[in-house]
C-alpha atoms as a PDB file:
ATOM      1  CA  UNK A   1      21.194 -27.663  -5.779  1.00  0.00           C
ATOM      2  CA  UNK A   2      18.928 -29.879  -3.707  1.00  0.00           C
ATOM      3  CA  UNK A   3      20.106 -33.464  -3.617  1.00  0.00           C
ATOM      4  CA  UNK A   4      18.092 -36.468  -2.467  1.00  0.00           C
ATOM      5  CA  UNK A   5      14.658 -34.871  -2.816  1.00  0.00           C
ATOM      6  CA  UNK A   6      12.060 -37.487  -3.849  1.00  0.00           C
ATOM      7  CA  UNK A   7      10.043 -36.730  -7.013  1.00  0.00           C
ATOM      8  CA  UNK A   8       6.773 -36.516  -5.050  1.00  0.00           C
ATOM      9  CA  UNK A   9       8.105 -33.878  -2.595  1.00  0.00           C
ATOM     10  CA  UNK A  10       8.387 -30.128  -3.042  1.00  0.00           C
ATOM     11  CA  UNK A  11      10.322 -27.578  -0.996  1.00  0.00           C
ATOM     12  CA  UNK A  12       9.320 -23.911  -1.252  1.00  0.00           C
ATOM     13  CA  UNK A  13      11.584 -21.188   0.043  1.00  0.00           C
ATOM     14  CA  UNK A  14      12.497 -17.585  -0.529  1.00  0.00           C
ATOM     15  CA  UNK A  15      16.035 -16.336  -0.977  1.00  0.00           C
ATOM     16  CA  UNK A  16      17.673 -12.985  -1.465  1.00  0.00           C
ATOM     17  CA  UNK A  17      19.669 -12.667  -4.692  1.00  0.00           C
ATOM     18  CA  UNK A  18      22.381 -10.024  -5.161  1.00  0.00           C
ATOM     19  CA  UNK A  19      24.935  -9.100  -7.743  1.00  0.00           C
ATOM     20  CA  UNK A  20      22.728  -8.623 -10.784  1.00  0.00           C
ATOM     21  CA  UNK A  21      20.145  -6.389 -12.350  1.00  0.00           C
ATOM     22  CA  UNK A  22      17.335  -8.255 -10.535  1.00  0.00           C
ATOM     23  CA  UNK A  23      18.576  -7.967  -6.963  1.00  0.00           C
ATOM     24  CA  UNK A  24      15.946  -8.841  -4.390  1.00  0.00           C
ATOM     25  CA  UNK A  25      13.885 -11.653  -3.026  1.00  0.00           C
ATOM     26  CA  UNK A  26      13.023 -14.567  -5.292  1.00  0.00           C
ATOM     27  CA  UNK A  27      10.642 -17.456  -4.726  1.00  0.00           C
ATOM     28  CA  UNK A  28      12.279 -20.814  -5.256  1.00  0.00           C
ATOM     29  CA  UNK A  29      10.909 -24.342  -5.428  1.00  0.00           C
ATOM     30  CA  UNK A  30      12.763 -27.611  -5.569  1.00  0.00           C
ATOM     31  CA  UNK A  31      10.719 -30.508  -6.897  1.00  0.00           C
ATOM     32  CA  UNK A  32      11.497 -33.563  -8.915  1.00  0.00           C
ATOM     33  CA  UNK A  33       8.920 -32.787 -11.622  1.00  0.00           C
ATOM     34  CA  UNK A  34       8.201 -29.040 -11.326  1.00  0.00           C
ATOM     35  CA  UNK A  35       6.959 -27.600 -14.647  1.00  0.00           C
ATOM     36  CA  UNK A  36       9.040 -24.850 -16.240  1.00  0.00           C
ATOM     37  CA  UNK A  37       6.040 -22.508 -16.612  1.00  0.00           C
ATOM     38  CA  UNK A  38       5.341 -22.533 -12.870  1.00  0.00           C
ATOM     39  CA  UNK A  39       5.200 -19.143 -11.160  1.00  0.00           C
ATOM     40  CA  UNK A  40       4.964 -18.433  -7.458  1.00  0.00           C
ATOM     41  CA  UNK A  41       2.401 -16.287  -5.722  1.00  0.00           C
ATOM     42  CA  UNK A  42       3.718 -15.247  -2.336  1.00  0.00           C
ATOM     43  CA  UNK A  43       1.151 -14.160   0.238  1.00  0.00           C
ATOM     44  CA  UNK A  44       2.608 -11.766   2.821  1.00  0.00           C
ATOM     45  CA  UNK A  45       0.167 -11.427   5.745  1.00  0.00           C
ATOM     46  CA  UNK A  46       2.047  -8.340   7.059  1.00  0.00           C
ATOM     47  CA  UNK A  47       1.346  -9.475  10.608  1.00  0.00           C
ATOM     48  CA  UNK A  48       4.565 -11.252  11.578  1.00  0.00           C
ATOM     49  CA  UNK A  49       3.378 -14.680  10.413  1.00  0.00           C
ATOM     50  CA  UNK A  50       5.201 -16.774   7.814  1.00  0.00           C
ATOM     51  CA  UNK A  51       4.891 -16.071   4.121  1.00  0.00           C
ATOM     52  CA  UNK A  52       2.743 -18.479   2.093  1.00  0.00           C
ATOM     53  CA  UNK A  53       4.113 -19.695  -1.263  1.00  0.00           C
ATOM     54  CA  UNK A  54       1.705 -21.086  -3.852  1.00  0.00           C
ATOM     55  CA  UNK A  55       2.925 -22.507  -7.180  1.00  0.00           C
ATOM     56  CA  UNK A  56       0.663 -21.624 -10.133  1.00  0.00           C
ATOM     57  CA  UNK A  57       1.012 -22.413 -13.820  1.00  0.00           C
ATOM     58  CA  UNK A  58       1.430 -19.271 -15.933  1.00  0.00           C
ATOM     59  CA  UNK A  59      -1.897 -18.042 -17.300  1.00  0.00           C
ATOM     60  CA  UNK A  60      -4.048 -19.387 -14.458  1.00  0.00           C
ATOM     61  CA  UNK A  61      -5.776 -17.756 -11.518  1.00  0.00           C
ATOM     62  CA  UNK A  62      -4.739 -18.446  -7.943  1.00  0.00           C
ATOM     63  CA  UNK A  63      -7.041 -19.285  -5.050  1.00  0.00           C
ATOM     64  CA  UNK A  64      -7.070 -17.073  -1.983  1.00  0.00           C
ATOM     65  CA  UNK A  65      -5.511 -18.628   1.115  1.00  0.00           C
ATOM     66  CA  UNK A  66      -7.273 -18.643   4.454  1.00  0.00           C
ATOM     67  CA  UNK A  67      -7.766 -15.099   5.755  1.00  0.00           C
ATOM     68  CA  UNK A  68      -4.992 -14.109   8.169  1.00  0.00           C
ATOM     69  CA  UNK A  69      -5.610 -12.557  11.585  1.00  0.00           C
ATOM     70  CA  UNK A  70      -3.953  -9.441  13.022  1.00  0.00           C
ATOM     71  CA  UNK A  71      -5.171  -8.559  16.506  1.00  0.00           C
ATOM     72  CA  UNK A  72      -8.083  -6.100  16.493  1.00  0.00           C
ATOM     73  CA  UNK A  73      -7.592  -5.105  12.843  1.00  0.00           C
ATOM     74  CA  UNK A  74      -9.974  -6.185  10.088  1.00  0.00           C
ATOM     75  CA  UNK A  75      -8.625  -8.059   7.075  1.00  0.00           C
ATOM     76  CA  UNK A  76      -9.259  -5.950   3.966  1.00  0.00           C
ATOM     77  CA  UNK A  77      -8.135  -8.237   1.159  1.00  0.00           C
ATOM     78  CA  UNK A  78      -4.977  -9.076  -0.791  1.00  0.00           C
ATOM     79  CA  UNK A  79      -3.201  -6.297  -2.701  1.00  0.00           C
ATOM     80  CA  UNK A  80      -0.357  -6.002  -5.218  1.00  0.00           C
ATOM     81  CA  UNK A  81       1.438  -3.440  -3.046  1.00  0.00           C
ATOM     82  CA  UNK A  82       2.181  -3.414   0.661  1.00  0.00           C
ATOM     83  CA  UNK A  83       0.504   0.016   0.766  1.00  0.00           C
ATOM     84  CA  UNK A  84      -2.827  -1.571  -0.312  1.00  0.00           C
ATOM     85  CA  UNK A  85      -3.494   0.314  -3.550  1.00  0.00           C
ATOM     86  CA  UNK A  86      -4.488  -2.297  -6.183  1.00  0.00           C
ATOM     87  CA  UNK A  87      -6.574  -5.188  -4.875  1.00  0.00           C
ATOM     88  CA  UNK A  88      -6.067  -8.632  -6.432  1.00  0.00           C
ATOM     89  CA  UNK A  89      -9.224 -10.119  -7.968  1.00  0.00           C
ATOM     90  CA  UNK A  90      -9.027 -13.879  -7.457  1.00  0.00           C
ATOM     91  CA  UNK A  91     -11.804 -14.519  -9.999  1.00  0.00           C
ATOM     92  CA  UNK A  92     -10.229 -12.666 -12.931  1.00  0.00           C
ATOM     93  CA  UNK A  93      -6.558 -11.758 -12.280  1.00  0.00           C
ATOM     94  CA  UNK A  94      -4.150 -14.074 -14.095  1.00  0.00           C
ATOM     95  CA  UNK A  95      -0.698 -15.044 -12.834  1.00  0.00           C
ATOM     96  CA  UNK A  96       1.910 -14.209 -15.493  1.00  0.00           C
ATOM     97  CA  UNK A  97       5.030 -13.892 -13.331  1.00  0.00           C
ATOM     98  CA  UNK A  98       6.180 -14.380  -9.764  1.00  0.00           C
ATOM     99  CA  UNK A  99       4.250 -11.935  -7.584  1.00  0.00           C
ATOM    100  CA  UNK A 100       3.830 -11.077  -3.925  1.00  0.00           C
ATOM    101  CA  UNK A 101       0.360 -10.206  -2.645  1.00  0.00           C
ATOM    102  CA  UNK A 102       0.063  -8.310   0.622  1.00  0.00           C
ATOM    103  CA  UNK A 103      -2.664  -8.451   3.259  1.00  0.00           C
ATOM    104  CA  UNK A 104      -4.362  -5.128   3.863  1.00  0.00           C
ATOM    105  CA  UNK A 105      -5.356  -4.307   7.435  1.00  0.00           C
ATOM    106  CA  UNK A 106      -8.045  -1.816   8.410  1.00  0.00           C
ATOM    107  CA  UNK A 107      -8.816  -0.318  11.774  1.00  0.00           C
ATOM    108  CA  UNK A 108     -12.546  -0.914  12.346  1.00  0.00           C
ATOM    109  CA  UNK A 109     -12.743   2.209  14.543  1.00  0.00           C
ATOM    110  CA  UNK A 110     -11.402   4.725  12.012  1.00  0.00           C
ATOM    111  CA  UNK A 111     -12.823   6.438   8.975  1.00  0.00           C
ATOM    112  CA  UNK A 112     -11.708   5.278   5.553  1.00  0.00           C
ATOM    113  CA  UNK A 113      -8.301   6.494   4.428  1.00  0.00           C
ATOM    114  CA  UNK A 114      -8.409   6.883   0.666  1.00  0.00           C
ATOM    115  CA  UNK A 115      -5.934   7.807  -2.016  1.00  0.00           C
ATOM    116  CA  UNK A 116      -5.590  11.484  -2.900  1.00  0.00           C
ATOM    117  CA  UNK A 117      -7.469  10.820  -6.162  1.00  0.00           C
ATOM    118  CA  UNK A 118      -8.236  14.134  -7.864  1.00  0.00           C
ATOM    119  CA  UNK A 119      -6.905  16.281  -5.023  1.00  0.00           C
ATOM    120  CA  UNK A 120      -3.951  18.496  -5.830  1.00  0.00           C
ATOM    121  CA  UNK A 121      -1.797  20.441  -3.371  1.00  0.00           C
ATOM    122  CA  UNK A 122       0.379  23.194  -4.868  1.00  0.00           C
ATOM    123  CA  UNK A 123       2.817  24.834  -4.802  1.00  0.00           C
ATOM    124  CA  UNK A 124       4.689  22.290  -2.743  1.00  0.00           C
ATOM    125  CA  UNK A 125       7.142  23.291  -1.292  1.00  0.00           C
ATOM    126  CA  UNK A 126       5.628  26.693  -0.502  1.00  0.00           C
ATOM    127  CA  UNK A 127       6.441  29.888   1.380  1.00  0.00           C
ATOM    128  CA  UNK A 128       3.176  31.722   1.992  1.00  0.00           C
ATOM    129  CA  UNK A 129       0.125  29.884   0.729  1.00  0.00           C
ATOM    130  CA  UNK A 130      -0.969  26.522  -0.597  1.00  0.00           C
ATOM    131  CA  UNK A 131      -3.874  25.735  -2.912  1.00  0.00           C
ATOM    132  CA  UNK A 132      -5.939  22.547  -2.762  1.00  0.00           C
ATOM    133  CA  UNK A 133      -8.007  21.713  -5.842  1.00  0.00           C
ATOM    134  CA  UNK A 134     -10.345  18.821  -6.569  1.00  0.00           C
ATOM    135  CA  UNK A 135     -12.438  19.453  -3.462  1.00  0.00           C
ATOM    136  CA  UNK A 136     -16.224  19.174  -3.195  1.00  0.00           C
ATOM    137  CA  UNK A 137     -16.633  22.218  -0.981  1.00  0.00           C
ATOM    138  CA  UNK A 138     -17.596  20.523   2.243  1.00  0.00           C
ATOM    139  CA  UNK A 139     -14.199  19.336   3.520  1.00  0.00           C
ATOM    140  CA  UNK A 140     -12.282  20.259   6.641  1.00  0.00           C
ATOM    141  CA  UNK A 141      -8.602  20.985   5.972  1.00  0.00           C
ATOM    142  CA  UNK A 142      -6.262  20.494   8.926  1.00  0.00           C
ATOM    143  CA  UNK A 143      -2.497  20.985   8.945  1.00  0.00           C
ATOM    144  CA  UNK A 144      -0.408  19.105  11.531  1.00  0.00           C
ATOM    145  CA  UNK A 145       3.274  19.412  12.350  1.00  0.00           C
ATOM    146  CA  UNK A 146       5.373  16.263  12.630  1.00  0.00           C
ATOM    147  CA  UNK A 147       4.742  15.989  16.382  1.00  0.00           C
ATOM    148  CA  UNK A 148       1.003  15.656  15.677  1.00  0.00           C
ATOM    149  CA  UNK A 149       0.121  19.160  16.886  1.00  0.00           C
ATOM    150  CA  UNK A 150      -2.593  20.805  14.832  1.00  0.00           C
ATOM    151  CA  UNK A 151      -1.119  23.983  13.354  1.00  0.00           C
ATOM    152  CA  UNK A 152      -4.283  25.239  11.631  1.00  0.00           C
ATOM    153  CA  UNK A 153      -7.734  24.307  10.412  1.00  0.00           C
ATOM    154  CA  UNK A 154      -9.766  25.595   7.461  1.00  0.00           C
ATOM    155  CA  UNK A 155     -13.243  24.806   6.133  1.00  0.00           C
ATOM    156  CA  UNK A 156     -13.528  24.382   2.348  1.00  0.00           C
ATOM    157  CA  UNK A 157     -16.404  26.205   0.654  1.00  0.00           C
ATOM    158  CA  UNK A 158     -15.589  25.477  -2.993  1.00  0.00           C
ATOM    159  CA  UNK A 159     -13.758  23.023  -5.232  1.00  0.00           C
ATOM    160  CA  UNK A 160     -10.540  25.034  -4.865  1.00  0.00           C
ATOM    161  CA  UNK A 161      -9.211  26.542  -1.639  1.00  0.00           C
ATOM    162  CA  UNK A 162      -6.135  28.648  -0.908  1.00  0.00           C
ATOM    163  CA  UNK A 163      -4.816  28.435   2.645  1.00  0.00           C
ATOM    164  CA  UNK A 164      -2.307  30.929   4.111  1.00  0.00           C
ATOM    165  CA  UNK A 165       0.633  29.082   5.707  1.00  0.00           C
ATOM    166  CA  UNK A 166       3.103  31.987   5.949  1.00  0.00           C
ATOM    167  CA  UNK A 167       2.965  31.934   9.752  1.00  0.00           C
ATOM    168  CA  UNK A 168       4.059  28.272   9.962  1.00  0.00           C
ATOM    169  CA  UNK A 169       7.683  27.483  10.796  1.00  0.00           C
ATOM    170  CA  UNK A 170       9.916  25.919   8.153  1.00  0.00           C
ATOM    171  CA  UNK A 171       9.388  22.158   8.041  1.00  0.00           C
ATOM    172  CA  UNK A 172       7.312  19.197   6.919  1.00  0.00           C
ATOM    173  CA  UNK A 173       3.588  19.111   7.675  1.00  0.00           C
ATOM    174  CA  UNK A 174       0.714  16.711   7.103  1.00  0.00           C
ATOM    175  CA  UNK A 175      -2.430  18.107   5.520  1.00  0.00           C
ATOM    176  CA  UNK A 176      -5.552  16.124   6.343  1.00  0.00           C
ATOM    177  CA  UNK A 177      -8.569  16.710   4.122  1.00  0.00           C
ATOM    178  CA  UNK A 178     -11.688  15.235   5.725  1.00  0.00           C
ATOM    179  CA  UNK A 179     -15.230  14.840   4.518  1.00  0.00           C
ATOM    180  CA  UNK A 180     -18.047  12.941   6.244  1.00  0.00           C
ATOM    181  CA  UNK A 181     -17.051   9.601   4.707  1.00  0.00           C
ATOM    182  CA  UNK A 182     -13.305   9.801   4.109  1.00  0.00           C
ATOM    183  CA  UNK A 183      -9.979  11.323   5.052  1.00  0.00           C
ATOM    184  CA  UNK A 184      -6.867  11.920   2.928  1.00  0.00           C
ATOM    185  CA  UNK A 185      -3.374  12.797   4.187  1.00  0.00           C
ATOM    186  CA  UNK A 186      -0.979  14.815   2.026  1.00  0.00           C
ATOM    187  CA  UNK A 187       2.564  15.976   2.764  1.00  0.00           C
ATOM    188  CA  UNK A 188       3.349  19.702   2.674  1.00  0.00           C
ATOM    189  CA  UNK A 189       6.767  21.331   2.878  1.00  0.00           C
ATOM    190  CA  UNK A 190       6.968  24.918   4.162  1.00  0.00           C
ATOM    191  CA  UNK A 191      10.190  26.756   3.208  1.00  0.00           C
ATOM    192  CA  UNK A 192       9.830  29.948   5.370  1.00  0.00           C
END
């Protein structure tokens, strides 16, 4: 309860709720005449700066806030997930519930990291060999251990490649599939 708040003033804050089926952070507003169909769009700049809370009536779009800054990284837009998978479209996306949008940061000096898309890595975990499908036939496949040491490299010549990993020690590895314009990282578990 907020007592003594004038009708023309609004306080926005975020609180953590526990003890129910909807545990987690919740956006809260205290205002003398706040409409019941108001939802909150929270903008998380993911750069150490404060969150931005914007009240929006259900069924409306929300305007983008000023672009945040994060050192030498380039701002890449606002996304529904902190991992930057589904970008929010400010012209067409409608607010229907409370939502948090996350800033996406891109290193201007690196190649594009993309989602695995049609690439498949199987069997995983494996003992002796691993197959990658969904390739174009011009990728470089590199396998790194968790210290960053390159364990092996392979050049793809078709849309499906089988790579022998029987000489790798038991453990978790990162498989980087690189083409001229993109790079994808996949996790591989070797059971030897």
